[in-house]
Amino acid sequence: MAKAPSFLWRSRHGIYYFRLVIPETLRPAFGERREIRRSLGACRRPEAVRRARRLAVRIETLFDELHATDNRFSSPDDVNARLAQLLDLDAT
């Protein structure tokens, strides 16, 4: 069996979660939040991997946007609102 991606985590109840550590340089933009966690709503590993990879790409894009603007969003609330939009798995 292939090793699971580092951002994929399985609870003791068998539900997979997405977990990604926010780079230290970007934490002020997130209000000192240290990591992003979200249930993937999947018990089957292949489905969880697909959903986790999709989220990882979306969040890495947000990280790139923040780096490009030198973290200049109006507030951590704005960044967290954008993150909430990205974490919506049912969208797109």
PDB file of N, CA and C in Angstrom:
ATOM      1  N   MET A   1       0.846  -1.173   0.000  1.00  0.00           N
ATOM      2  CA  MET A   1       0.000   0.000   0.000  1.00  0.00           C
ATOM      3  C   MET A   1       0.893   1.238   0.000  1.00  0.00           C
ATOM      4  N   ALA A   2       0.520   2.221  -0.821  1.00  0.00           N
ATOM      5  CA  ALA A   2       1.285   3.460  -0.908  1.00  0.00           C
ATOM      6  C   ALA A   2       1.081   4.291   0.360  1.00  0.00           C
ATOM      7  N   LYS A   3       2.106   5.053   0.670  1.00  0.00           N
ATOM      8  CA  LYS A   3       2.030   5.921   1.844  1.00  0.00           C
ATOM      9  C   LYS A   3       1.045   7.064   1.585  1.00  0.00           C
ATOM     10  N   ALA A   4       0.263   7.408   2.599  1.00  0.00           N
ATOM     11  CA  ALA A   4      -0.706   8.492   2.479  1.00  0.00           C
ATOM     12  C   ALA A   4       0.016   9.835   2.434  1.00  0.00           C
ATOM     13  N   PRO A   5      -0.532  10.810   1.715  1.00  0.00           N
ATOM     14  CA  PRO A   5       0.065  12.149   1.705  1.00  0.00           C
ATOM     15  C   PRO A   5       0.131  12.709   3.129  1.00  0.00           C
ATOM     16  N   SER A   6       1.086  13.574   3.374  1.00  0.00           N
ATOM     17  CA  SER A   6       1.290  14.093   4.727  1.00  0.00           C
ATOM     18  C   SER A   6       0.113  14.916   5.232  1.00  0.00           C
ATOM     19  N   PHE A   7      -0.713  15.438   4.334  1.00  0.00           N
ATOM     20  CA  PHE A   7      -1.843  16.257   4.766  1.00  0.00           C
ATOM     21  C   PHE A   7      -3.099  15.428   5.007  1.00  0.00           C
ATOM     22  N   LEU A   8      -3.013  14.128   4.876  1.00  0.00           N
ATOM     23  CA  LEU A   8      -4.156  13.254   5.083  1.00  0.00           C
ATOM     24  C   LEU A   8      -4.019  12.573   6.435  1.00  0.00           C
ATOM     25  N   TRP A   9      -5.058  12.663   7.221  1.00  0.00           N
ATOM     26  CA  TRP A   9      -5.038  12.114   8.576  1.00  0.00           C
ATOM     27  C   TRP A   9      -6.321  11.344   8.805  1.00  0.00           C
ATOM     28  N   ARG A  10      -6.237  10.204   9.441  1.00  0.00           N
ATOM     29  CA  ARG A  10      -7.412   9.373   9.693  1.00  0.00           C
ATOM     30  C   ARG A  10      -7.690   9.318  11.191  1.00  0.00           C
ATOM     31  N   SER A  11      -8.938   9.590  11.549  1.00  0.00           N
ATOM     32  CA  SER A  11      -9.312   9.554  12.956  1.00  0.00           C
ATOM     33  C   SER A  11      -9.488   8.113  13.404  1.00  0.00           C
ATOM     34  N   ARG A  12      -9.592   7.927  14.681  1.00  0.00           N
ATOM     35  CA  ARG A  12      -9.779   6.574  15.206  1.00  0.00           C
ATOM     36  C   ARG A  12     -11.145   6.006  14.828  1.00  0.00           C
ATOM     37  N   HIS A  13     -12.032   6.867  14.340  1.00  0.00           N
ATOM     38  CA  HIS A  13     -13.364   6.435  13.922  1.00  0.00           C
ATOM     39  C   HIS A  13     -13.415   6.099  12.433  1.00  0.00           C
ATOM     40  N   GLY A  14     -12.287   6.259  11.753  1.00  0.00           N
ATOM     41  CA  GLY A  14     -12.206   5.893  10.344  1.00  0.00           C
ATOM     42  C   GLY A  14     -12.514   7.004   9.366  1.00  0.00           C
ATOM     43  N   ILE A  15     -12.750   8.217   9.851  1.00  0.00           N
ATOM     44  CA  ILE A  15     -13.017   9.358   8.972  1.00  0.00           C
ATOM     45  C   ILE A  15     -11.687  10.039   8.646  1.00  0.00           C
ATOM     46  N   TYR A  16     -11.512  10.380   7.385  1.00  0.00           N
ATOM     47  CA  TYR A  16     -10.286  11.055   6.967  1.00  0.00           C
ATOM     48  C   TYR A  16     -10.439  12.568   7.102  1.00  0.00           C
ATOM     49  N   TYR A  17      -9.336  13.192   7.493  1.00  0.00           N
ATOM     50  CA  TYR A  17      -9.265  14.640   7.669  1.00  0.00           C
ATOM     51  C   TYR A  17      -8.109  15.193   6.863  1.00  0.00           C
ATOM     52  N   PHE A  18      -8.279  16.442   6.461  1.00  0.00           N
ATOM     53  CA  PHE A  18      -7.215  17.190   5.812  1.00  0.00           C
ATOM     54  C   PHE A  18      -6.557  18.034   6.885  1.00  0.00           C
ATOM     55  N   ARG A  19      -5.238  18.041   6.908  1.00  0.00           N
ATOM     56  CA  ARG A  19      -4.501  18.840   7.892  1.00  0.00           C
ATOM     57  C   ARG A  19      -3.263  19.402   7.219  1.00  0.00           C
ATOM     58  N   LEU A  20      -3.119  20.726   7.295  1.00  0.00           N
ATOM     59  CA  LEU A  20      -1.977  21.383   6.684  1.00  0.00           C
ATOM     60  C   LEU A  20      -1.483  22.478   7.615  1.00  0.00           C
ATOM     61  N   VAL A  21      -0.202  22.496   7.877  1.00  0.00           N
ATOM     62  CA  VAL A  21       0.398  23.510   8.743  1.00  0.00           C
ATOM     63  C   VAL A  21       0.595  24.786   7.930  1.00  0.00           C
ATOM     64  N   ILE A  22       0.197  25.907   8.499  1.00  0.00           N
ATOM     65  CA  ILE A  22       0.363  27.206   7.852  1.00  0.00           C
ATOM     66  C   ILE A  22       1.808  27.652   8.072  1.00  0.00           C
ATOM     67  N   PRO A  23       2.502  28.056   6.998  1.00  0.00           N
ATOM     68  CA  PRO A  23       3.883  28.522   7.165  1.00  0.00           C
ATOM     69  C   PRO A  23       3.955  29.675   8.163  1.00  0.00           C
ATOM     70  N   GLU A  24       4.996  29.687   8.936  1.00  0.00           N
ATOM     71  CA  GLU A  24       5.140  30.690   9.999  1.00  0.00           C
ATOM     72  C   GLU A  24       5.080  32.118   9.474  1.00  0.00           C
ATOM     73  N   THR A  25       5.596  32.341   8.279  1.00  0.00           N
ATOM     74  CA  THR A  25       5.586  33.691   7.714  1.00  0.00           C
ATOM     75  C   THR A  25       4.176  34.166   7.354  1.00  0.00           C
ATOM     76  N   LEU A  26       3.246  33.233   7.168  1.00  0.00           N
ATOM     77  CA  LEU A  26       1.879  33.598   6.792  1.00  0.00           C
ATOM     78  C   LEU A  26       0.909  33.600   7.972  1.00  0.00           C
ATOM     79  N   ARG A  27       1.337  33.155   9.117  1.00  0.00           N
ATOM     80  CA  ARG A  27       0.430  33.060  10.270  1.00  0.00           C
ATOM     81  C   ARG A  27      -0.210  34.388  10.665  1.00  0.00           C
ATOM     82  N   PRO A  28       0.498  35.517  10.591  1.00  0.00           N
ATOM     83  CA  PRO A  28      -0.170  36.775  10.933  1.00  0.00           C
ATOM     84  C   PRO A  28      -1.384  37.057  10.036  1.00  0.00           C
ATOM     85  N   ALA A  29      -1.319  36.644   8.778  1.00  0.00           N
ATOM     86  CA  ALA A  29      -2.444  36.854   7.863  1.00  0.00           C
ATOM     87  C   ALA A  29      -3.655  36.023   8.255  1.00  0.00           C
ATOM     88  N   PHE A  30      -3.428  34.942   8.976  1.00  0.00           N
ATOM     89  CA  PHE A  30      -4.505  34.059   9.422  1.00  0.00           C
ATOM     90  C   PHE A  30      -4.872  34.298  10.879  1.00  0.00           C
ATOM     91  N   GLY A  31      -4.356  35.359  11.470  1.00  0.00           N
ATOM     92  CA  GLY A  31      -4.648  35.639  12.867  1.00  0.00           C
ATOM     93  C   GLY A  31      -3.937  34.678  13.806  1.00  0.00           C
ATOM     94  N   GLU A  32      -2.715  34.332  13.462  1.00  0.00           N
ATOM     95  CA  GLU A  32      -1.869  33.425  14.262  1.00  0.00           C
ATOM     96  C   GLU A  32      -2.386  31.986  14.297  1.00  0.00           C
ATOM     97  N   ARG A  33      -3.280  31.668  13.404  1.00  0.00           N
ATOM     98  CA  ARG A  33      -3.738  30.283  13.275  1.00  0.00           C
ATOM     99  C   ARG A  33      -2.561  29.435  12.820  1.00  0.00           C
ATOM    100  N   ARG A  34      -2.367  28.257  13.407  1.00  0.00           N
ATOM    101  CA  ARG A  34      -1.189  27.445  13.124  1.00  0.00           C
ATOM    102  C   ARG A  34      -1.412  26.367  12.062  1.00  0.00           C
ATOM    103  N   GLU A  35      -2.655  25.913  11.938  1.00  0.00           N
ATOM    104  CA  GLU A  35      -2.908  24.855  10.958  1.00  0.00           C
ATOM    105  C   GLU A  35      -4.339  24.923  10.444  1.00  0.00           C
ATOM    106  N   ILE A  36      -4.548  24.241   9.347  1.00  0.00           N
ATOM    107  CA  ILE A  36      -5.868  24.157   8.734  1.00  0.00           C
ATOM    108  C   ILE A  36      -6.298  22.701   8.829  1.00  0.00           C
ATOM    109  N   ARG A  37      -7.476  22.474   9.405  1.00  0.00           N
ATOM    110  CA  ARG A  37      -8.032  21.127   9.517  1.00  0.00           C
ATOM    111  C   ARG A  37      -9.445  21.132   8.974  1.00  0.00           C
ATOM    112  N   ARG A  38      -9.782  20.042   8.294  1.00  0.00           N
ATOM    113  CA  ARG A  38     -11.146  19.910   7.789  1.00  0.00           C
ATOM    114  C   ARG A  38     -11.461  18.445   7.567  1.00  0.00           C
ATOM    115  N   SER A  39     -12.653  18.061   7.947  1.00  0.00           N
ATOM    116  CA  SER A  39     -13.098  16.703   7.673  1.00  0.00           C
ATOM    117  C   SER A  39     -13.313  16.563   6.175  1.00  0.00           C
ATOM    118  N   LEU A  40     -12.874  15.445   5.636  1.00  0.00           N
ATOM    119  CA  LEU A  40     -13.079  15.188   4.220  1.00  0.00           C
ATOM    120  C   LEU A  40     -14.383  14.441   3.973  1.00  0.00           C
ATOM    121  N   GLY A  41     -15.026  14.006   5.037  1.00  0.00           N
ATOM    122  CA  GLY A  41     -16.296  13.318   4.909  1.00  0.00           C
ATOM    123  C   GLY A  41     -16.195  12.017   4.149  1.00  0.00           C
ATOM    124  N   ALA A  42     -15.045  11.368   4.253  1.00  0.00           N
ATOM    125  CA  ALA A  42     -14.836  10.124   3.514  1.00  0.00           C
ATOM    126  C   ALA A  42     -14.231   9.069   4.436  1.00  0.00           C
ATOM    127  N   CYS A  43     -14.708   7.872   4.296  1.00  0.00           N
ATOM    128  CA  CYS A  43     -14.145   6.735   5.037  1.00  0.00           C
ATOM    129  C   CYS A  43     -13.228   5.906   4.139  1.00  0.00           C
ATOM    130  N   ARG A  44     -13.396   6.061   2.841  1.00  0.00           N
ATOM    131  CA  ARG A  44     -12.576   5.309   1.894  1.00  0.00           C
ATOM    132  C   ARG A  44     -11.354   6.129   1.513  1.00  0.00           C
ATOM    133  N   ARG A  45     -10.197   5.504   1.579  1.00  0.00           N
ATOM    134  CA  ARG A  45      -8.940   6.192   1.341  1.00  0.00           C
ATOM    135  C   ARG A  45      -8.835   6.821  -0.052  1.00  0.00           C
ATOM    136  N   PRO A  46      -9.197   6.117  -1.135  1.00  0.00           N
ATOM    137  CA  PRO A  46      -9.062   6.747  -2.459  1.00  0.00           C
ATOM    138  C   PRO A  46      -9.856   8.049  -2.597  1.00  0.00           C
ATOM    139  N   GLU A  47     -11.064   8.054  -2.074  1.00  0.00           N
ATOM    140  CA  GLU A  47     -11.885   9.274  -2.129  1.00  0.00           C
ATOM    141  C   GLU A  47     -11.267  10.375  -1.273  1.00  0.00           C
ATOM    142  N   ALA A  48     -10.770  10.010  -0.102  1.00  0.00           N
ATOM    143  CA  ALA A  48     -10.137  10.991   0.790  1.00  0.00           C
ATOM    144  C   ALA A  48      -8.899  11.591   0.145  1.00  0.00           C
ATOM    145  N   VAL A  49      -8.103  10.784  -0.532  1.00  0.00           N
ATOM    146  CA  VAL A  49      -6.901  11.290  -1.202  1.00  0.00           C
ATOM    147  C   VAL A  49      -7.279  12.276  -2.295  1.00  0.00           C
ATOM    148  N   ARG A  50      -8.296  11.957  -3.088  1.00  0.00           N
ATOM    149  CA  ARG A  50      -8.744  12.876  -4.145  1.00  0.00           C
ATOM    150  C   ARG A  50      -9.186  14.212  -3.563  1.00  0.00           C
ATOM    151  N   ARG A  51     -10.000  14.170  -2.523  1.00  0.00           N
ATOM    152  CA  ARG A  51     -10.497  15.404  -1.911  1.00  0.00           C
ATOM    153  C   ARG A  51      -9.360  16.194  -1.263  1.00  0.00           C
ATOM    154  N   ALA A  52      -8.450  15.493  -0.600  1.00  0.00           N
ATOM    155  CA  ALA A  52      -7.330  16.163   0.075  1.00  0.00           C
ATOM    156  C   ALA A  52      -6.407  16.835  -0.938  1.00  0.00           C
ATOM    157  N   ARG A  53      -6.149  16.185  -2.043  1.00  0.00           N
ATOM    158  CA  ARG A  53      -5.286  16.794  -3.064  1.00  0.00           C
ATOM    159  C   ARG A  53      -5.918  18.054  -3.637  1.00  0.00           C
ATOM    160  N   ARG A  54      -7.233  17.998  -3.857  1.00  0.00           N
ATOM    161  CA  ARG A  54      -7.944  19.170  -4.357  1.00  0.00           C
ATOM    162  C   ARG A  54      -7.818  20.335  -3.371  1.00  0.00           C
ATOM    163  N   LEU A  55      -8.003  20.043  -2.093  1.00  0.00           N
ATOM    164  CA  LEU A  55      -7.874  21.095  -1.072  1.00  0.00           C
ATOM    165  C   LEU A  55      -6.446  21.624  -0.995  1.00  0.00           C
ATOM    166  N   ALA A  56      -5.477  20.731  -1.075  1.00  0.00           N
ATOM    167  CA  ALA A  56      -4.077  21.153  -0.991  1.00  0.00           C
ATOM    168  C   ALA A  56      -3.738  22.140  -2.102  1.00  0.00           C
ATOM    169  N   VAL A  57      -4.211  21.874  -3.303  1.00  0.00           N
ATOM    170  CA  VAL A  57      -3.943  22.781  -4.423  1.00  0.00           C
ATOM    171  C   VAL A  57      -4.595  24.136  -4.177  1.00  0.00           C
ATOM    172  N   ARG A  58      -5.842  24.137  -3.720  1.00  0.00           N
ATOM    173  CA  ARG A  58      -6.545  25.393  -3.451  1.00  0.00           C
ATOM    174  C   ARG A  58      -5.833  26.214  -2.383  1.00  0.00           C
ATOM    175  N   ILE A  59      -5.413  25.556  -1.323  1.00  0.00           N
ATOM    176  CA  ILE A  59      -4.774  26.275  -0.220  1.00  0.00           C
ATOM    177  C   ILE A  59      -3.385  26.752  -0.608  1.00  0.00           C
ATOM    178  N   GLU A  60      -2.655  25.949  -1.360  1.00  0.00           N
ATOM    179  CA  GLU A  60      -1.332  26.390  -1.821  1.00  0.00           C
ATOM    180  C   GLU A  60      -1.476  27.613  -2.720  1.00  0.00           C
ATOM    181  N   THR A  61      -2.551  27.672  -3.504  1.00  0.00           N
ATOM    182  CA  THR A  61      -2.811  28.847  -4.336  1.00  0.00           C
ATOM    183  C   THR A  61      -3.034  30.078  -3.457  1.00  0.00           C
ATOM    184  N   LEU A  62      -3.792  29.917  -2.383  1.00  0.00           N
ATOM    185  CA  LEU A  62      -4.004  31.019  -1.442  1.00  0.00           C
ATOM    186  C   LEU A  62      -2.680  31.451  -0.815  1.00  0.00           C
ATOM    187  N   PHE A  63      -1.861  30.490  -0.420  1.00  0.00           N
ATOM    188  CA  PHE A  63      -0.546  30.817   0.144  1.00  0.00           C
ATOM    189  C   PHE A  63       0.284  31.614  -0.871  1.00  0.00           C
ATOM    190  N   ASP A  64       0.244  31.200  -2.137  1.00  0.00           N
ATOM    191  CA  ASP A  64       0.987  31.922  -3.178  1.00  0.00           C
ATOM    192  C   ASP A  64       0.473  33.346  -3.338  1.00  0.00           C
ATOM    193  N   GLU A  65      -0.864  33.512  -3.291  1.00  0.00           N
ATOM    194  CA  GLU A  65      -1.442  34.859  -3.385  1.00  0.00           C
ATOM    195  C   GLU A  65      -0.973  35.729  -2.220  1.00  0.00           C
ATOM    196  N   LEU A  66      -0.948  35.149  -1.031  1.00  0.00           N
ATOM    197  CA  LEU A  66      -0.513  35.915   0.143  1.00  0.00           C
ATOM    198  C   LEU A  66       0.957  36.289   0.043  1.00  0.00           C
ATOM    199  N   HIS A  67       1.781  35.376  -0.441  1.00  0.00           N
ATOM    200  CA  HIS A  67       3.200  35.690  -0.622  1.00  0.00           C
ATOM    201  C   HIS A  67       3.372  36.794  -1.657  1.00  0.00           C
ATOM    202  N   ALA A  68       2.604  36.739  -2.734  1.00  0.00           N
ATOM    203  CA  ALA A  68       2.722  37.725  -3.811  1.00  0.00           C
ATOM    204  C   ALA A  68       2.305  39.123  -3.355  1.00  0.00           C
ATOM    205  N   THR A  69       1.361  39.192  -2.424  1.00  0.00           N
ATOM    206  CA  THR A  69       0.901  40.498  -1.937  1.00  0.00           C
ATOM    207  C   THR A  69       1.549  40.875  -0.617  1.00  0.00           C
ATOM    208  N   ASP A  70       2.547  40.120  -0.205  1.00  0.00           N
ATOM    209  CA  ASP A  70       3.229  40.364   1.072  1.00  0.00           C
ATOM    210  C   ASP A  70       2.251  40.367   2.238  1.00  0.00           C
ATOM    211  N   ASN A  71       1.307  39.443   2.209  1.00  0.00           N
ATOM    212  CA  ASN A  71       0.323  39.258   3.284  1.00  0.00           C
ATOM    213  C   ASN A  71      -0.591  40.468   3.455  1.00  0.00           C
ATOM    214  N   ARG A  72      -0.749  41.311   2.437  1.00  0.00           N
ATOM    215  CA  ARG A  72      -1.540  42.531   2.571  1.00  0.00           C
ATOM    216  C   ARG A  72      -3.016  42.299   2.254  1.00  0.00           C
ATOM    217  N   PHE A  73      -3.684  41.568   3.088  1.00  0.00           N
ATOM    218  CA  PHE A  73      -5.138  41.479   3.023  1.00  0.00           C
ATOM    219  C   PHE A  73      -5.633  42.421   4.101  1.00  0.00           C
ATOM    220  N   SER A  74      -6.851  42.890   3.988  1.00  0.00           N
ATOM    221  CA  SER A  74      -7.301  43.904   4.931  1.00  0.00           C
ATOM    222  C   SER A  74      -7.358  43.403   6.374  1.00  0.00           C
ATOM    223  N   SER A  75      -7.642  42.117   6.581  1.00  0.00           N
ATOM    224  CA  SER A  75      -7.668  41.612   7.957  1.00  0.00           C
ATOM    225  C   SER A  75      -7.632  40.087   7.945  1.00  0.00           C
ATOM    226  N   PRO A  76      -7.281  39.489   9.085  1.00  0.00           N
ATOM    227  CA  PRO A  76      -7.330  38.022   9.174  1.00  0.00           C
ATOM    228  C   PRO A  76      -8.731  37.480   8.898  1.00  0.00           C
ATOM    229  N   ASP A  77      -9.758  38.274   9.200  1.00  0.00           N
ATOM    230  CA  ASP A  77     -11.130  37.842   8.914  1.00  0.00           C
ATOM    231  C   ASP A  77     -11.334  37.654   7.408  1.00  0.00           C
ATOM    232  N   ASP A  78     -10.753  38.556   6.613  1.00  0.00           N
ATOM    233  CA  ASP A  78     -10.866  38.438   5.158  1.00  0.00           C
ATOM    234  C   ASP A  78     -10.157  37.180   4.656  1.00  0.00           C
ATOM    235  N   VAL A  79      -8.974  36.930   5.190  1.00  0.00           N
ATOM    236  CA  VAL A  79      -8.212  35.752   4.780  1.00  0.00           C
ATOM    237  C   VAL A  79      -8.954  34.484   5.195  1.00  0.00           C
ATOM    238  N   ASN A  80      -9.475  34.470   6.410  1.00  0.00           N
ATOM    239  CA  ASN A  80     -10.201  33.288   6.872  1.00  0.00           C
ATOM    240  C   ASN A  80     -11.510  33.088   6.107  1.00  0.00           C
ATOM    241  N   ALA A  81     -12.146  34.174   5.666  1.00  0.00           N
ATOM    242  CA  ALA A  81     -13.342  34.059   4.839  1.00  0.00           C
ATOM    243  C   ALA A  81     -12.989  33.447   3.484  1.00  0.00           C
ATOM    244  N   ARG A  82     -11.879  33.887   2.925  1.00  0.00           N
ATOM    245  CA  ARG A  82     -11.404  33.314   1.647  1.00  0.00           C
ATOM    246  C   ARG A  82     -11.072  31.837   1.828  1.00  0.00           C
ATOM    247  N   LEU A  83     -10.450  31.512   2.939  1.00  0.00           N
ATOM    248  CA  LEU A  83     -10.117  30.117   3.239  1.00  0.00           C
ATOM    249  C   LEU A  83     -11.391  29.280   3.359  1.00  0.00           C
ATOM    250  N   ALA A  84     -12.404  29.815   4.000  1.00  0.00           N
ATOM    251  CA  ALA A  84     -13.671  29.088   4.153  1.00  0.00           C
ATOM    252  C   ALA A  84     -14.281  28.780   2.789  1.00  0.00           C
ATOM    253  N   GLN A  85     -14.170  29.717   1.850  1.00  0.00           N
ATOM    254  CA  GLN A  85     -14.663  29.467   0.493  1.00  0.00           C
ATOM    255  C   GLN A  85     -13.884  28.330  -0.159  1.00  0.00           C
ATOM    256  N   LEU A  86     -12.586  28.329   0.038  1.00  0.00           N
ATOM    257  CA  LEU A  86     -11.748  27.289  -0.571  1.00  0.00           C
ATOM    258  C   LEU A  86     -11.996  25.911   0.017  1.00  0.00           C
ATOM    259  N   LEU A  87     -12.361  25.878   1.289  1.00  0.00           N
ATOM    260  CA  LEU A  87     -12.570  24.599   1.958  1.00  0.00           C
ATOM    261  C   LEU A  87     -13.917  23.967   1.647  1.00  0.00           C
ATOM    262  N   ASP A  88     -14.770  24.683   0.955  1.00  0.00           N
ATOM    263  CA  ASP A  88     -16.066  24.132   0.579  1.00  0.00           C
ATOM    264  C   ASP A  88     -15.852  23.101  -0.529  1.00  0.00           C
ATOM    265  N   LEU A  89     -15.887  21.821  -0.163  1.00  0.00           N
ATOM    266  CA  LEU A  89     -15.612  20.738  -1.112  1.00  0.00           C
ATOM    267  C   LEU A  89     -16.686  20.601  -2.180  1.00  0.00           C
ATOM    268  N   ASP A  90     -17.902  21.010  -1.885  1.00  0.00           N
ATOM    269  CA  ASP A  90     -18.977  20.836  -2.839  1.00  0.00           C
ATOM    270  C   ASP A  90     -18.937  21.866  -3.960  1.00  0.00           C
ATOM    271  N   ALA A  91     -18.234  22.961  -3.726  1.00  0.00           N
ATOM    272  CA  ALA A  91     -18.124  23.980  -4.771  1.00  0.00           C
ATOM    273  C   ALA A  91     -17.120  23.500  -5.809  1.00  0.00           C
ATOM    274  N   THR A  92     -17.464  23.619  -7.052  1.00  0.00           N
ATOM    275  CA  THR A  92     -16.656  23.195  -8.208  1.00  0.00           C
ATOM    276  C   THR A  92     -16.259  21.754  -8.172  1.00  0.00           C
TER     277      THR A  92
END
